[in-house]
Amino acid sequence: MPRRREVPKRQVAGDPKYDNKLVAKFIKSIMRDGKKGLAESILYDAFDIIKEKTNEEPLKIFEQAMDNIKPKIEVK
């Protein structure tokens, strides 16, 4: 934590294939020991399997899965 000034927040760039920030964050969570290429290949291969089995857009299914695991917040 710096003493002199506030550190600016960095913007997350989208992934190279889908240009989606959520996919980029997920790739970073999969990544181990800085092996980003391996993490990307794992995720993109999984997207290819989703495309073959469901014949739907894998990005749409991925976003739906991420929405399903989010905690639901109830507003009173």
Protein backbone atom coordinates (compact mmCIF):
# COMPACT_ATOMS: atom_id res chain seq x y z
CA MET A 1 0.00 0.00 0.00
CA PRO A 2 1.66 3.22 -1.11
CA ARG A 3 2.03 6.09 1.32
CA ARG A 4 2.25 8.99 -1.10
CA ARG A 5 -0.63 8.64 -3.54
CA GLU A 6 -3.56 6.50 -4.56
CA VAL A 7 -2.83 3.77 -7.08
CA PRO A 8 -5.19 3.95 -10.09
CA LYS A 9 -7.39 0.94 -10.86
CA ARG A 10 -6.37 -1.00 -13.94
CA GLN A 11 -8.92 -1.80 -16.57
CA VAL A 12 -9.20 -5.47 -17.55
CA ALA A 13 -8.77 -5.97 -21.28
CA GLY A 14 -10.93 -8.52 -23.06
CA ASP A 15 -9.56 -11.88 -24.11
CA PRO A 16 -8.08 -12.14 -27.62
CA LYS A 17 -10.69 -14.48 -29.12
CA TYR A 18 -14.05 -13.24 -27.78
CA ASP A 19 -13.03 -9.77 -26.51
CA ASN A 20 -14.97 -10.37 -23.30
CA LYS A 21 -13.84 -9.15 -19.87
CA LEU A 22 -15.56 -11.99 -18.01
CA VAL A 23 -13.72 -14.60 -20.08
CA ALA A 24 -10.43 -12.77 -19.48
CA LYS A 25 -11.00 -12.79 -15.71
CA PHE A 26 -11.86 -16.49 -15.81
CA ILE A 27 -8.68 -17.24 -17.76
CA LYS A 28 -6.69 -15.40 -15.10
CA SER A 29 -8.35 -17.47 -12.39
CA ILE A 30 -7.48 -20.72 -14.20
CA MET A 31 -3.87 -19.64 -14.84
CA ARG A 32 -1.10 -21.20 -12.75
CA ASP A 33 2.54 -20.15 -12.63
CA GLY A 34 1.99 -17.58 -15.40
CA LYS A 35 0.95 -20.14 -18.02
CA LYS A 36 -1.64 -17.96 -19.72
CA GLY A 37 -1.44 -19.78 -23.06
CA LEU A 38 -2.23 -23.08 -21.40
CA ALA A 39 -5.17 -21.57 -19.50
CA GLU A 40 -6.53 -20.06 -22.72
CA SER A 41 -6.24 -23.37 -24.56
CA ILE A 42 -8.06 -25.19 -21.76
CA LEU A 43 -10.95 -22.72 -21.80
CA TYR A 44 -11.20 -22.48 -25.59
CA ASP A 45 -11.15 -26.29 -25.90
CA ALA A 46 -13.98 -26.43 -23.36
CA PHE A 47 -15.87 -23.85 -25.45
CA ASP A 48 -15.37 -26.06 -28.53
CA ILE A 49 -16.83 -29.05 -26.66
CA ILE A 50 -19.82 -26.94 -25.57
CA LYS A 51 -20.34 -25.86 -29.19
CA GLU A 52 -20.27 -29.48 -30.42
CA LYS A 53 -22.64 -30.85 -27.77
CA THR A 54 -25.22 -28.07 -27.60
CA ASN A 55 -25.01 -26.38 -31.03
CA GLU A 56 -25.34 -23.04 -29.26
CA GLU A 57 -23.01 -20.11 -28.74
CA PRO A 58 -20.54 -21.14 -25.99
CA LEU A 59 -20.11 -17.57 -24.74
CA LYS A 60 -23.84 -17.31 -24.02
CA ILE A 61 -23.79 -20.60 -22.09
CA PHE A 62 -20.68 -19.49 -20.17
CA GLU A 63 -22.34 -16.21 -19.12
CA GLN A 64 -25.48 -18.11 -18.09
CA ALA A 65 -23.38 -20.50 -15.98
CA MET A 66 -21.62 -17.57 -14.31
CA ASP A 67 -25.01 -16.00 -13.52
CA ASN A 68 -26.17 -19.30 -11.98
CA ILE A 69 -23.27 -19.42 -9.51
CA LYS A 70 -23.55 -15.80 -8.37
CA PRO A 71 -25.14 -15.22 -4.99
CA LYS A 72 -28.63 -13.80 -5.27
CA ILE A 73 -29.13 -10.55 -3.44
CA GLU A 74 -32.62 -9.82 -2.20
CA VAL A 75 -33.61 -6.19 -1.80
CA LYS A 76 -36.24 -5.41 0.81
